Amino acid sequence: MPADRLSLIFSALADPTRRAILARLAEGEATVNELAEPFDISLPAISRHLKVLEAAGLITRSRNAQWRSSKLEAAPLREVAEYMEEYRRFWDASFGRLDAHLRKIQQVPKNQEPGNERAAEHS
């Protein structure tokens, strides 16, 4: 059963090595050797990471003579951003309500705060 596109993208993004590879590719195309430089893992392991990124549509790979370079594809990241936008709006609204509540309770005199009934009685 094929996974949906967002699941493939999120699965690819779940690994910190793959996220680091994408960050490097955001600077421009790179070969497998260039991508492997900062990591203490084998070239075949880097190649496996690249295959996962390619399957998710996050990169494209091309061959020029004996060099094979990889290039970032931003469109799938836009899909993720659009998916996450709904949740950002939810959190923004939640934080907005919390902010309004905090401003409201900061305006209540101390002797009228909940739990200070005795302080109000002695005033």
PDB file of N, CA and C in Angstrom:
ATOM      1  N   MET A   1       0.843  -1.168   0.000  1.00  0.00           N
ATOM      2  CA  MET A   1       0.000   0.000   0.000  1.00  0.00           C
ATOM      3  C   MET A   1       0.899   1.245   0.000  1.00  0.00           C
ATOM      4  N   PRO A   2       0.800   2.092  -1.004  1.00  0.00           N
ATOM      5  CA  PRO A   2       1.670   3.267  -1.056  1.00  0.00           C
ATOM      6  C   PRO A   2       1.284   4.290   0.015  1.00  0.00           C
ATOM      7  N   ALA A   3       2.287   4.867   0.608  1.00  0.00           N
ATOM      8  CA  ALA A   3       2.042   5.882   1.632  1.00  0.00           C
ATOM      9  C   ALA A   3       1.640   7.186   0.962  1.00  0.00           C
ATOM     10  N   ASP A   4       0.859   7.991   1.669  1.00  0.00           N
ATOM     11  CA  ASP A   4       0.504   9.291   1.112  1.00  0.00           C
ATOM     12  C   ASP A   4       1.745  10.180   1.086  1.00  0.00           C
ATOM     13  N   ARG A   5       1.692  11.196   0.272  1.00  0.00           N
ATOM     14  CA  ARG A   5       2.855  12.057   0.027  1.00  0.00           C
ATOM     15  C   ARG A   5       3.359  12.725   1.318  1.00  0.00           C
ATOM     16  N   LEU A   6       2.459  13.275   2.123  1.00  0.00           N
ATOM     17  CA  LEU A   6       2.894  13.924   3.353  1.00  0.00           C
ATOM     18  C   LEU A   6       3.585  12.941   4.296  1.00  0.00           C
ATOM     19  N   SER A   7       3.098  11.720   4.353  1.00  0.00           N
ATOM     20  CA  SER A   7       3.738  10.721   5.212  1.00  0.00           C
ATOM     21  C   SER A   7       5.159  10.435   4.741  1.00  0.00           C
ATOM     22  N   LEU A   8       5.346  10.345   3.433  1.00  0.00           N
ATOM     23  CA  LEU A   8       6.699  10.136   2.898  1.00  0.00           C
ATOM     24  C   LEU A   8       7.612  11.309   3.244  1.00  0.00           C
ATOM     25  N   ILE A   9       7.089  12.504   3.108  1.00  0.00           N
ATOM     26  CA  ILE A   9       7.890  13.702   3.391  1.00  0.00           C
ATOM     27  C   ILE A   9       8.244  13.760   4.874  1.00  0.00           C
ATOM     28  N   PHE A  10       7.244  13.589   5.751  1.00  0.00           N
ATOM     29  CA  PHE A  10       7.517  13.641   7.188  1.00  0.00           C
ATOM     30  C   PHE A  10       8.464  12.517   7.615  1.00  0.00           C
ATOM     31  N   SER A  11       8.316  11.356   7.023  1.00  0.00           N
ATOM     32  CA  SER A  11       9.217  10.246   7.339  1.00  0.00           C
ATOM     33  C   SER A  11      10.652  10.600   6.952  1.00  0.00           C
ATOM     34  N   ALA A  12      10.811  11.201   5.789  1.00  0.00           N
ATOM     35  CA  ALA A  12      12.150  11.609   5.347  1.00  0.00           C
ATOM     36  C   ALA A  12      12.724  12.682   6.264  1.00  0.00           C
ATOM     37  N   LEU A  13      11.879  13.605   6.700  1.00  0.00           N
ATOM     38  CA  LEU A  13      12.335  14.703   7.558  1.00  0.00           C
ATOM     39  C   LEU A  13      12.579  14.269   8.997  1.00  0.00           C
ATOM     40  N   ALA A  14      12.128  13.079   9.363  1.00  0.00           N
ATOM     41  CA  ALA A  14      12.256  12.614  10.745  1.00  0.00           C
ATOM     42  C   ALA A  14      13.699  12.332  11.142  1.00  0.00           C
ATOM     43  N   ASP A  15      14.562  12.126  10.173  1.00  0.00           N
ATOM     44  CA  ASP A  15      15.950  11.779  10.480  1.00  0.00           C
ATOM     45  C   ASP A  15      16.841  13.023  10.470  1.00  0.00           C
ATOM     46  N   PRO A  16      17.629  13.242  11.536  1.00  0.00           N
ATOM     47  CA  PRO A  16      18.465  14.442  11.596  1.00  0.00           C
ATOM     48  C   PRO A  16      19.539  14.496  10.505  1.00  0.00           C
ATOM     49  N   THR A  17      20.047  13.350  10.080  1.00  0.00           N
ATOM     50  CA  THR A  17      21.039  13.342   9.001  1.00  0.00           C
ATOM     51  C   THR A  17      20.410  13.835   7.709  1.00  0.00           C
ATOM     52  N   ARG A  18      19.195  13.375   7.433  1.00  0.00           N
ATOM     53  CA  ARG A  18      18.525  13.826   6.203  1.00  0.00           C
ATOM     54  C   ARG A  18      18.187  15.309   6.269  1.00  0.00           C
ATOM     55  N   ARG A  19      17.796  15.796   7.450  1.00  0.00           N
ATOM     56  CA  ARG A  19      17.532  17.240   7.581  1.00  0.00           C
ATOM     57  C   ARG A  19      18.813  18.036   7.351  1.00  0.00           C
ATOM     58  N   ALA A  20      19.941  17.533   7.851  1.00  0.00           N
ATOM     59  CA  ALA A  20      21.225  18.211   7.639  1.00  0.00           C
ATOM     60  C   ALA A  20      21.607  18.195   6.159  1.00  0.00           C
ATOM     61  N   ILE A  21      21.318  17.102   5.484  1.00  0.00           N
ATOM     62  CA  ILE A  21      21.591  17.026   4.048  1.00  0.00           C
ATOM     63  C   ILE A  21      20.750  18.061   3.316  1.00  0.00           C
ATOM     64  N   LEU A  22      19.480  18.168   3.664  1.00  0.00           N
ATOM     65  CA  LEU A  22      18.616  19.171   3.026  1.00  0.00           C
ATOM     66  C   LEU A  22      19.124  20.589   3.289  1.00  0.00           C
ATOM     67  N   ALA A  23      19.580  20.835   4.508  1.00  0.00           N
ATOM     68  CA  ALA A  23      20.119  22.166   4.836  1.00  0.00           C
ATOM     69  C   ALA A  23      21.330  22.461   3.963  1.00  0.00           C
ATOM     70  N   ARG A  24      22.166  21.463   3.764  1.00  0.00           N
ATOM     71  CA  ARG A  24      23.342  21.655   2.906  1.00  0.00           C
ATOM     72  C   ARG A  24      22.907  21.902   1.464  1.00  0.00           C
ATOM     73  N   LEU A  25      21.916  21.162   0.989  1.00  0.00           N
ATOM     74  CA  LEU A  25      21.450  21.324  -0.392  1.00  0.00           C
ATOM     75  C   LEU A  25      20.727  22.653  -0.606  1.00  0.00           C
ATOM     76  N   ALA A  26      20.253  23.270   0.457  1.00  0.00           N
ATOM     77  CA  ALA A  26      19.646  24.599   0.347  1.00  0.00           C
ATOM     78  C   ALA A  26      20.686  25.626  -0.096  1.00  0.00           C
ATOM     79  N   GLU A  27      21.964  25.320   0.124  1.00  0.00           N
ATOM     80  CA  GLU A  27      23.057  26.192  -0.306  1.00  0.00           C
ATOM     81  C   GLU A  27      23.429  25.961  -1.766  1.00  0.00           C
ATOM     82  N   GLY A  28      23.006  24.849  -2.343  1.00  0.00           N
ATOM     83  CA  GLY A  28      23.320  24.535  -3.734  1.00  0.00           C
ATOM     84  C   GLY A  28      23.544  23.054  -3.935  1.00  0.00           C
ATOM     85  N   GLU A  29      23.631  22.658  -5.195  1.00  0.00           N
ATOM     86  CA  GLU A  29      23.831  21.242  -5.527  1.00  0.00           C
ATOM     87  C   GLU A  29      25.114  20.717  -4.909  1.00  0.00           C
ATOM     88  N   ALA A  30      25.146  19.402  -4.669  1.00  0.00           N
ATOM     89  CA  ALA A  30      26.330  18.780  -4.079  1.00  0.00           C
ATOM     90  C   ALA A  30      26.409  17.316  -4.507  1.00  0.00           C
ATOM     91  N   THR A  31      27.615  16.811  -4.521  1.00  0.00           N
ATOM     92  CA  THR A  31      27.831  15.396  -4.827  1.00  0.00           C
ATOM     93  C   THR A  31      27.692  14.588  -3.536  1.00  0.00           C
ATOM     94  N   VAL A  32      27.652  13.271  -3.686  1.00  0.00           N
ATOM     95  CA  VAL A  32      27.561  12.387  -2.521  1.00  0.00           C
ATOM     96  C   VAL A  32      28.759  12.614  -1.611  1.00  0.00           C
ATOM     97  N   ASN A  33      29.959  12.730  -2.196  1.00  0.00           N
ATOM     98  CA  ASN A  33      31.158  12.955  -1.384  1.00  0.00           C
ATOM     99  C   ASN A  33      31.069  14.268  -0.611  1.00  0.00           C
ATOM    100  N   GLU A  34      30.587  15.317  -1.240  1.00  0.00           N
ATOM    101  CA  GLU A  34      30.444  16.604  -0.564  1.00  0.00           C
ATOM    102  C   GLU A  34      29.414  16.511   0.567  1.00  0.00           C
ATOM    103  N   LEU A  35      28.338  15.790   0.312  1.00  0.00           N
ATOM    104  CA  LEU A  35      27.293  15.647   1.339  1.00  0.00           C
ATOM    105  C   LEU A  35      27.769  14.789   2.505  1.00  0.00           C
ATOM    106  N   ALA A  36      28.661  13.846   2.226  1.00  0.00           N
ATOM    107  CA  ALA A  36      29.143  12.931   3.268  1.00  0.00           C
ATOM    108  C   ALA A  36      30.187  13.567   4.177  1.00  0.00           C
ATOM    109  N   GLU A  37      30.850  14.621   3.714  1.00  0.00           N
ATOM    110  CA  GLU A  37      31.963  15.226   4.471  1.00  0.00           C
ATOM    111  C   GLU A  37      31.699  15.446   5.952  1.00  0.00           C
ATOM    112  N   PRO A  38      30.616  16.105   6.344  1.00  0.00           N
ATOM    113  CA  PRO A  38      30.462  16.408   7.777  1.00  0.00           C
ATOM    114  C   PRO A  38      30.013  15.218   8.641  1.00  0.00           C
ATOM    115  N   PHE A  39      29.728  14.090   8.026  1.00  0.00           N
ATOM    116  CA  PHE A  39      29.173  12.956   8.772  1.00  0.00           C
ATOM    117  C   PHE A  39      30.199  11.857   8.954  1.00  0.00           C
ATOM    118  N   ASP A  40      30.070  11.151  10.052  1.00  0.00           N
ATOM    119  CA  ASP A  40      30.929  10.009  10.339  1.00  0.00           C
ATOM    120  C   ASP A  40      30.189   8.720   9.961  1.00  0.00           C
ATOM    121  N   ILE A  41      29.678   8.696   8.727  1.00  0.00           N
ATOM    122  CA  ILE A  41      28.996   7.501   8.220  1.00  0.00           C
ATOM    123  C   ILE A  41      29.515   7.209   6.810  1.00  0.00           C
ATOM    124  N   SER A  42      29.257   6.016   6.331  1.00  0.00           N
ATOM    125  CA  SER A  42      29.794   5.577   5.040  1.00  0.00           C
ATOM    126  C   SER A  42      29.070   6.238   3.867  1.00  0.00           C
ATOM    127  N   LEU A  43      29.720   6.198   2.704  1.00  0.00           N
ATOM    128  CA  LEU A  43      29.081   6.710   1.481  1.00  0.00           C
ATOM    129  C   LEU A  43      27.816   5.929   1.145  1.00  0.00           C
ATOM    130  N   PRO A  44      27.819   4.587   1.299  1.00  0.00           N
ATOM    131  CA  PRO A  44      26.558   3.866   1.053  1.00  0.00           C
ATOM    132  C   PRO A  44      25.425   4.326   1.976  1.00  0.00           C
ATOM    133  N   ALA A  45      25.750   4.659   3.222  1.00  0.00           N
ATOM    134  CA  ALA A  45      24.715   5.140   4.145  1.00  0.00           C
ATOM    135  C   ALA A  45      24.178   6.489   3.661  1.00  0.00           C
ATOM    136  N   ILE A  46      25.052   7.367   3.207  1.00  0.00           N
ATOM    137  CA  ILE A  46      24.609   8.653   2.655  1.00  0.00           C
ATOM    138  C   ILE A  46      23.730   8.404   1.441  1.00  0.00           C
ATOM    139  N   SER A  47      24.126   7.470   0.595  1.00  0.00           N
ATOM    140  CA  SER A  47      23.330   7.136  -0.594  1.00  0.00           C
ATOM    141  C   SER A  47      21.945   6.641  -0.216  1.00  0.00           C
ATOM    142  N   ARG A  48      21.848   5.850   0.837  1.00  0.00           N
ATOM    143  CA  ARG A  48      20.531   5.380   1.291  1.00  0.00           C
ATOM    144  C   ARG A  48      19.681   6.560   1.764  1.00  0.00           C
ATOM    145  N   HIS A  49      20.282   7.499   2.487  1.00  0.00           N
ATOM    146  CA  HIS A  49      19.557   8.698   2.906  1.00  0.00           C
ATOM    147  C   HIS A  49      19.073   9.484   1.684  1.00  0.00           C
ATOM    148  N   LEU A  50      19.916   9.586   0.682  1.00  0.00           N
ATOM    149  CA  LEU A  50      19.540  10.316  -0.531  1.00  0.00           C
ATOM    150  C   LEU A  50      18.378   9.629  -1.253  1.00  0.00           C
ATOM    151  N   LYS A  51      18.362   8.311  -1.252  1.00  0.00           N
ATOM    152  CA  LYS A  51      17.254   7.586  -1.877  1.00  0.00           C
ATOM    153  C   LYS A  51      15.933   7.871  -1.163  1.00  0.00           C
ATOM    154  N   VAL A  52      15.976   7.947   0.161  1.00  0.00           N
ATOM    155  CA  VAL A  52      14.768   8.266   0.930  1.00  0.00           C
ATOM    156  C   VAL A  52      14.296   9.678   0.588  1.00  0.00           C
ATOM    157  N   LEU A  53      15.233  10.630   0.554  1.00  0.00           N
ATOM    158  CA  LEU A  53      14.884  12.012   0.212  1.00  0.00           C
ATOM    159  C   LEU A  53      14.337  12.116  -1.204  1.00  0.00           C
ATOM    160  N   GLU A  54      14.926  11.342  -2.117  1.00  0.00           N
ATOM    161  CA  GLU A  54      14.462  11.351  -3.503  1.00  0.00           C
ATOM    162  C   GLU A  54      13.065  10.737  -3.618  1.00  0.00           C
ATOM    163  N   ALA A  55      12.815   9.645  -2.908  1.00  0.00           N
ATOM    164  CA  ALA A  55      11.493   9.003  -2.930  1.00  0.00           C
ATOM    165  C   ALA A  55      10.410   9.938  -2.391  1.00  0.00           C
ATOM    166  N   ALA A  56      10.785  10.797  -1.459  1.00  0.00           N
ATOM    167  CA  ALA A  56       9.838  11.757  -0.889  1.00  0.00           C
ATOM    168  C   ALA A  56       9.688  12.994  -1.772  1.00  0.00           C
ATOM    169  N   GLY A  57      10.490  13.080  -2.824  1.00  0.00           N
ATOM    170  CA  GLY A  57      10.421  14.220  -3.729  1.00  0.00           C
ATOM    171  C   GLY A  57      11.156  15.448  -3.219  1.00  0.00           C
ATOM    172  N   LEU A  58      11.941  15.282  -2.154  1.00  0.00           N
ATOM    173  CA  LEU A  58      12.641  16.420  -1.562  1.00  0.00           C
ATOM    174  C   LEU A  58      13.927  16.783  -2.301  1.00  0.00           C
ATOM    175  N   ILE A  59      14.464  15.832  -3.074  1.00  0.00           N
ATOM    176  CA  ILE A  59      15.645  16.114  -3.879  1.00  0.00           C
ATOM    177  C   ILE A  59      15.491  15.454  -5.244  1.00  0.00           C
ATOM    178  N   THR A  60      16.259  15.953  -6.188  1.00  0.00           N
ATOM    179  CA  THR A  60      16.423  15.269  -7.471  1.00  0.00           C
ATOM    180  C   THR A  60      17.908  14.978  -7.618  1.00  0.00           C
ATOM    181  N   ARG A  61      18.202  13.912  -8.314  1.00  0.00           N
ATOM    182  CA  ARG A  61      19.593  13.516  -8.519  1.00  0.00           C
ATOM    183  C   ARG A  61      19.866  13.466 -10.010  1.00  0.00           C
ATOM    184  N   SER A  62      21.025  13.968 -10.385  1.00  0.00           N
ATOM    185  CA  SER A  62      21.404  13.954 -11.801  1.00  0.00           C
ATOM    186  C   SER A  62      22.820  13.410 -11.940  1.00  0.00           C
ATOM    187  N   ARG A  63      23.129  12.972 -13.146  1.00  0.00           N
ATOM    188  CA  ARG A  63      24.458  12.424 -13.400  1.00  0.00           C
ATOM    189  C   ARG A  63      25.109  13.264 -14.493  1.00  0.00           C
ATOM    190  N   ASN A  64      26.343  13.683 -14.216  1.00  0.00           N
ATOM    191  CA  ASN A  64      27.138  14.416 -15.192  1.00  0.00           C
ATOM    192  C   ASN A  64      28.500  13.734 -15.238  1.00  0.00           C
ATOM    193  N   ALA A  65      28.737  12.972 -16.300  1.00  0.00           N
ATOM    194  CA  ALA A  65      29.934  12.126 -16.422  1.00  0.00           C
ATOM    195  C   ALA A  65      29.948  11.158 -15.238  1.00  0.00           C
ATOM    196  N   GLN A  66      31.034  11.124 -14.446  1.00  0.00           N
ATOM    197  CA  GLN A  66      31.073  10.199 -13.314  1.00  0.00           C
ATOM    198  C   GLN A  66      30.515  10.813 -12.037  1.00  0.00           C
ATOM    199  N   TRP A  67      30.172  12.103 -12.059  1.00  0.00           N
ATOM    200  CA  TRP A  67      29.646  12.772 -10.870  1.00  0.00           C
ATOM    201  C   TRP A  67      28.134  12.697 -10.825  1.00  0.00           C
ATOM    202  N   ARG A  68      27.634  12.403  -9.668  1.00  0.00           N
ATOM    203  CA  ARG A  68      26.195  12.389  -9.466  1.00  0.00           C
ATOM    204  C   ARG A  68      25.883  13.430  -8.399  1.00  0.00           C
ATOM    205  N   SER A  69      25.138  14.449  -8.777  1.00  0.00           N
ATOM    206  CA  SER A  69      24.842  15.508  -7.819  1.00  0.00           C
ATOM    207  C   SER A  69      23.373  15.455  -7.402  1.00  0.00           C
ATOM    208  N   SER A  70      23.121  16.055  -6.268  1.00  0.00           N
ATOM    209  CA  SER A  70      21.765  16.131  -5.730  1.00  0.00           C
ATOM    210  C   SER A  70      21.381  17.596  -5.606  1.00  0.00           C
ATOM    211  N   LYS A  71      20.078  17.839  -5.782  1.00  0.00           N
ATOM    212  CA  LYS A  71      19.555  19.203  -5.744  1.00  0.00           C
ATOM    213  C   LYS A  71      18.279  19.211  -4.911  1.00  0.00           C
ATOM    214  N   LEU A  72      18.127  20.237  -4.080  1.00  0.00           N
ATOM    215  CA  LEU A  72      16.934  20.396  -3.253  1.00  0.00           C
ATOM    216  C   LEU A  72      15.727  20.721  -4.120  1.00  0.00           C
ATOM    217  N   GLU A  73      14.598  20.095  -3.803  1.00  0.00           N
ATOM    218  CA  GLU A  73      13.313  20.424  -4.431  1.00  0.00           C
ATOM    219  C   GLU A  73      12.421  21.002  -3.339  1.00  0.00           C
ATOM    220  N   ALA A  74      12.076  22.266  -3.462  1.00  0.00           N
ATOM    221  CA  ALA A  74      11.371  22.966  -2.387  1.00  0.00           C
ATOM    222  C   ALA A  74       9.856  22.715  -2.359  1.00  0.00           C
ATOM    223  N   ALA A  75       9.269  22.297  -3.457  1.00  0.00           N
ATOM    224  CA  ALA A  75       7.808  22.144  -3.514  1.00  0.00           C
ATOM    225  C   ALA A  75       7.248  21.257  -2.398  1.00  0.00           C
ATOM    226  N   PRO A  76       7.851  20.094  -2.104  1.00  0.00           N
ATOM    227  CA  PRO A  76       7.303  19.280  -1.014  1.00  0.00           C
ATOM    228  C   PRO A  76       7.365  19.982   0.343  1.00  0.00           C
ATOM    229  N   LEU A  77       8.375  20.812   0.546  1.00  0.00           N
ATOM    230  CA  LEU A  77       8.460  21.554   1.802  1.00  0.00           C
ATOM    231  C   LEU A  77       7.343  22.580   1.891  1.00  0.00           C
ATOM    232  N   ARG A  78       6.921  23.108   0.758  1.00  0.00           N
ATOM    233  CA  ARG A  78       5.783  24.026   0.732  1.00  0.00           C
ATOM    234  C   ARG A  78       4.514  23.280   1.143  1.00  0.00           C
ATOM    235  N   GLU A  79       4.368  22.043   0.686  1.00  0.00           N
ATOM    236  CA  GLU A  79       3.209  21.223   1.084  1.00  0.00           C
ATOM    237  C   GLU A  79       3.175  21.035   2.600  1.00  0.00           C
ATOM    238  N   VAL A  80       4.334  20.771   3.185  1.00  0.00           N
ATOM    239  CA  VAL A  80       4.424  20.600   4.638  1.00  0.00           C
ATOM    240  C   VAL A  80       4.044  21.905   5.323  1.00  0.00           C
ATOM    241  N   ALA A  81       4.568  23.021   4.834  1.00  0.00           N
ATOM    242  CA  ALA A  81       4.262  24.325   5.439  1.00  0.00           C
ATOM    243  C   ALA A  81       2.767  24.619   5.364  1.00  0.00           C
ATOM    244  N   GLU A  82       2.134  24.300   4.240  1.00  0.00           N
ATOM    245  CA  GLU A  82       0.691  24.526   4.102  1.00  0.00           C
ATOM    246  C   GLU A  82      -0.092  23.636   5.058  1.00  0.00           C
ATOM    247  N   TYR A  83       0.342  22.403   5.211  1.00  0.00           N
ATOM    248  CA  TYR A  83      -0.311  21.484   6.144  1.00  0.00           C
ATOM    249  C   TYR A  83      -0.178  22.010   7.571  1.00  0.00           C
ATOM    250  N   MET A  84       0.996  22.487   7.932  1.00  0.00           N
ATOM    251  CA  MET A  84       1.257  22.961   9.287  1.00  0.00           C
ATOM    252  C   MET A  84       0.596  24.311   9.566  1.00  0.00           C
ATOM    253  N   GLU A  85       0.253  25.057   8.533  1.00  0.00           N
ATOM    254  CA  GLU A  85      -0.345  26.385   8.712  1.00  0.00           C
ATOM    255  C   GLU A  85      -1.620  26.324   9.550  1.00  0.00           C
ATOM    256  N   GLU A  86      -2.440  25.317   9.337  1.00  0.00           N
ATOM    257  CA  GLU A  86      -3.670  25.173  10.118  1.00  0.00           C
ATOM    258  C   GLU A  86      -3.361  25.062  11.609  1.00  0.00           C
ATOM    259  N   TYR A  87      -2.321  24.316  11.933  1.00  0.00           N
ATOM    260  CA  TYR A  87      -1.944  24.141  13.327  1.00  0.00           C
ATOM    261  C   TYR A  87      -1.302  25.408  13.879  1.00  0.00           C
ATOM    262  N   ARG A  88      -0.581  26.144  13.067  1.00  0.00           N
ATOM    263  CA  ARG A  88      -0.017  27.418  13.509  1.00  0.00           C
ATOM    264  C   ARG A  88      -1.140  28.376  13.877  1.00  0.00           C
ATOM    265  N   ARG A  89      -2.183  28.413  13.054  1.00  0.00           N
ATOM    266  CA  ARG A  89      -3.327  29.276  13.357  1.00  0.00           C
ATOM    267  C   ARG A  89      -3.982  28.855  14.673  1.00  0.00           C
ATOM    268  N   PHE A  90      -4.101  27.553  14.900  1.00  0.00           N
ATOM    269  CA  PHE A  90      -4.663  27.049  16.157  1.00  0.00           C
ATOM    270  C   PHE A  90      -3.842  27.545  17.344  1.00  0.00           C
ATOM    271  N   TRP A  91      -2.511  27.382  17.265  1.00  0.00           N
ATOM    272  CA  TRP A  91      -1.657  27.805  18.383  1.00  0.00           C
ATOM    273  C   TRP A  91      -1.671  29.315  18.551  1.00  0.00           C
ATOM    274  N   ASP A  92      -1.679  30.050  17.446  1.00  0.00           N
ATOM    275  CA  ASP A  92      -1.761  31.512  17.552  1.00  0.00           C
ATOM    276  C   ASP A  92      -3.033  31.924  18.277  1.00  0.00           C
ATOM    277  N   ALA A  93      -4.152  31.295  17.933  1.00  0.00           N
ATOM    278  CA  ALA A  93      -5.429  31.617  18.589  1.00  0.00           C
ATOM    279  C   ALA A  93      -5.373  31.230  20.070  1.00  0.00           C
ATOM    280  N   SER A  94      -4.794  30.074  20.366  1.00  0.00           N
ATOM    281  CA  SER A  94      -4.685  29.631  21.758  1.00  0.00           C
ATOM    282  C   SER A  94      -3.822  30.590  22.565  1.00  0.00           C
ATOM    283  N   PHE A  95      -2.697  30.997  21.998  1.00  0.00           N
ATOM    284  CA  PHE A  95      -1.830  31.934  22.704  1.00  0.00           C
ATOM    285  C   PHE A  95      -2.496  33.299  22.828  1.00  0.00           C
ATOM    286  N   GLY A  96      -3.273  33.677  21.834  1.00  0.00           N
ATOM    287  CA  GLY A  96      -4.014  34.940  21.910  1.00  0.00           C
ATOM    288  C   GLY A  96      -5.007  34.921  23.056  1.00  0.00           C
ATOM    289  N   ARG A  97      -5.730  33.810  23.214  1.00  0.00           N
ATOM    290  CA  ARG A  97      -6.689  33.686  24.321  1.00  0.00           C
ATOM    291  C   ARG A  97      -5.969  33.690  25.670  1.00  0.00           C
ATOM    292  N   LEU A  98      -4.832  32.990  25.738  1.00  0.00           N
ATOM    293  CA  LEU A  98      -4.056  32.971  26.972  1.00  0.00           C
ATOM    294  C   LEU A  98      -3.552  34.371  27.316  1.00  0.00           C
ATOM    295  N   ASP A  99      -3.060  35.088  26.326  1.00  0.00           N
ATOM    296  CA  ASP A  99      -2.577  36.447  26.540  1.00  0.00           C
ATOM    297  C   ASP A  99      -3.700  37.348  27.059  1.00  0.00           C
ATOM    298  N   ALA A 100      -4.880  37.246  26.441  1.00  0.00           N
ATOM    299  CA  ALA A 100      -6.022  38.058  26.880  1.00  0.00           C
ATOM    300  C   ALA A 100      -6.402  37.712  28.324  1.00  0.00           C
ATOM    301  N   HIS A 101      -6.397  36.426  28.657  1.00  0.00           N
ATOM    302  CA  HIS A 101      -6.726  35.990  30.017  1.00  0.00           C
ATOM    303  C   HIS A 101      -5.698  36.530  31.012  1.00  0.00           C
ATOM    304  N   LEU A 102      -4.428  36.440  30.666  1.00  0.00           N
ATOM    305  CA  LEU A 102      -3.391  36.933  31.574  1.00  0.00           C
ATOM    306  C   LEU A 102      -3.507  38.443  31.786  1.00  0.00           C
ATOM    307  N   ARG A 103      -3.790  39.174  30.718  1.00  0.00           N
ATOM    308  CA  ARG A 103      -3.972  40.619  30.862  1.00  0.00           C
ATOM    309  C   ARG A 103      -5.165  40.918  31.765  1.00  0.00           C
ATOM    310  N   LYS A 104      -6.231  40.126  31.625  1.00  0.00           N
ATOM    311  CA  LYS A 104      -7.436  40.328  32.426  1.00  0.00           C
ATOM    312  C   LYS A 104      -7.163  40.072  33.902  1.00  0.00           C
ATOM    313  N   ILE A 105      -6.483  38.982  34.223  1.00  0.00           N
ATOM    314  CA  ILE A 105      -6.254  38.670  35.635  1.00  0.00           C
ATOM    315  C   ILE A 105      -5.217  39.588  36.252  1.00  0.00           C
ATOM    316  N   GLN A 106      -4.352  40.189  35.445  1.00  0.00           N
ATOM    317  CA  GLN A 106      -3.389  41.146  35.990  1.00  0.00           C
ATOM    318  C   GLN A 106      -4.069  42.448  36.395  1.00  0.00           C
ATOM    319  N   GLN A 107      -5.246  42.707  35.876  1.00  0.00           N
ATOM    320  CA  GLN A 107      -5.978  43.927  36.199  1.00  0.00           C
ATOM    321  C   GLN A 107      -6.843  43.779  37.444  1.00  0.00           C
ATOM    322  N   VAL A 108      -7.062  42.567  37.915  1.00  0.00           N
ATOM    323  CA  VAL A 108      -7.885  42.313  39.107  1.00  0.00           C
ATOM    324  C   VAL A 108      -7.078  42.718  40.335  1.00  0.00           C
ATOM    325  N   PRO A 109      -7.636  43.557  41.222  1.00  0.00           N
ATOM    326  CA  PRO A 109      -6.917  43.916  42.456  1.00  0.00           C
ATOM    327  C   PRO A 109      -6.597  42.667  43.262  1.00  0.00           C
ATOM    328  N   LYS A 110      -5.462  42.676  43.960  1.00  0.00           N
ATOM    329  CA  LYS A 110      -4.991  41.504  44.694  1.00  0.00           C
ATOM    330  C   LYS A 110      -6.016  40.979  45.688  1.00  0.00           C
ATOM    331  N   ASN A 111      -6.758  41.875  46.334  1.00  0.00           N
ATOM    332  CA  ASN A 111      -7.720  41.401  47.339  1.00  0.00           C
ATOM    333  C   ASN A 111      -8.951  40.754  46.707  1.00  0.00           C
ATOM    334  N   GLN A 112      -9.079  40.822  45.377  1.00  0.00           N
ATOM    335  CA  GLN A 112     -10.224  40.187  44.712  1.00  0.00           C
ATOM    336  C   GLN A 112      -9.820  38.954  43.923  1.00  0.00           C
ATOM    337  N   GLU A 113      -8.548  38.566  43.996  1.00  0.00           N
ATOM    338  CA  GLU A 113      -8.092  37.375  43.281  1.00  0.00           C
ATOM    339  C   GLU A 113      -8.710  36.142  43.909  1.00  0.00           C
ATOM    340  N   PRO A 114      -9.015  35.133  43.100  1.00  0.00           N
ATOM    341  CA  PRO A 114      -9.535  33.879  43.657  1.00  0.00           C
ATOM    342  C   PRO A 114      -8.556  33.330  44.687  1.00  0.00           C
ATOM    343  N   GLY A 115      -9.078  32.855  45.822  1.00  0.00           N
ATOM    344  CA  GLY A 115      -8.231  32.318  46.874  1.00  0.00           C
ATOM    345  C   GLY A 115      -7.874  33.358  47.922  1.00  0.00           C
ATOM    346  N   ASN A 116      -8.205  34.622  47.685  1.00  0.00           N
ATOM    347  CA  ASN A 116      -7.911  35.687  48.645  1.00  0.00           C
ATOM    348  C   ASN A 116      -9.190  36.198  49.296  1.00  0.00           C
ATOM    349  N   GLU A 117     -10.129  35.305  49.558  1.00  0.00           N
ATOM    350  CA  GLU A 117     -11.394  35.716  50.147  1.00  0.00           C
ATOM    351  C   GLU A 117     -11.181  36.344  51.526  1.00  0.00           C
ATOM    352  N   ARG A 118     -10.245  35.782  52.302  1.00  0.00           N
ATOM    353  CA  ARG A 118      -9.985  36.322  53.645  1.00  0.00           C
ATOM    354  C   ARG A 118      -9.383  37.716  53.560  1.00  0.00           C
ATOM    355  N   ALA A 119      -8.538  37.955  52.580  1.00  0.00           N
ATOM    356  CA  ALA A 119      -7.944  39.292  52.423  1.00  0.00           C
ATOM    357  C   ALA A 119      -9.024  40.309  52.127  1.00  0.00           C
ATOM    358  N   ALA A 120     -10.036  39.914  51.343  1.00  0.00           N
ATOM    359  CA  ALA A 120     -11.122  40.825  51.014  1.00  0.00           C
ATOM    360  C   ALA A 120     -11.988  41.082  52.248  1.00  0.00           C
ATOM    361  N   GLU A 121     -12.134  40.044  53.099  1.00  0.00           N
ATOM    362  CA  GLU A 121     -12.946  40.201  54.309  1.00  0.00           C
ATOM    363  C   GLU A 121     -12.307  41.179  55.289  1.00  0.00           C
ATOM    364  N   HIS A 122     -10.984  41.218  55.351  1.00  0.00           N
ATOM    365  CA  HIS A 122     -10.271  42.067  56.310  1.00  0.00           C
ATOM    366  C   HIS A 122     -10.044  43.465  55.789  1.00  0.00           C
ATOM    367  N   SER A 123     -10.448  43.749  54.589  1.00  0.00           N
ATOM    368  CA  SER A 123     -10.220  45.078  54.019  1.00  0.00           C
ATOM    369  C   SER A 123     -11.224  46.081  54.510  1.00  0.00           C
TER     370      SER A 123
END
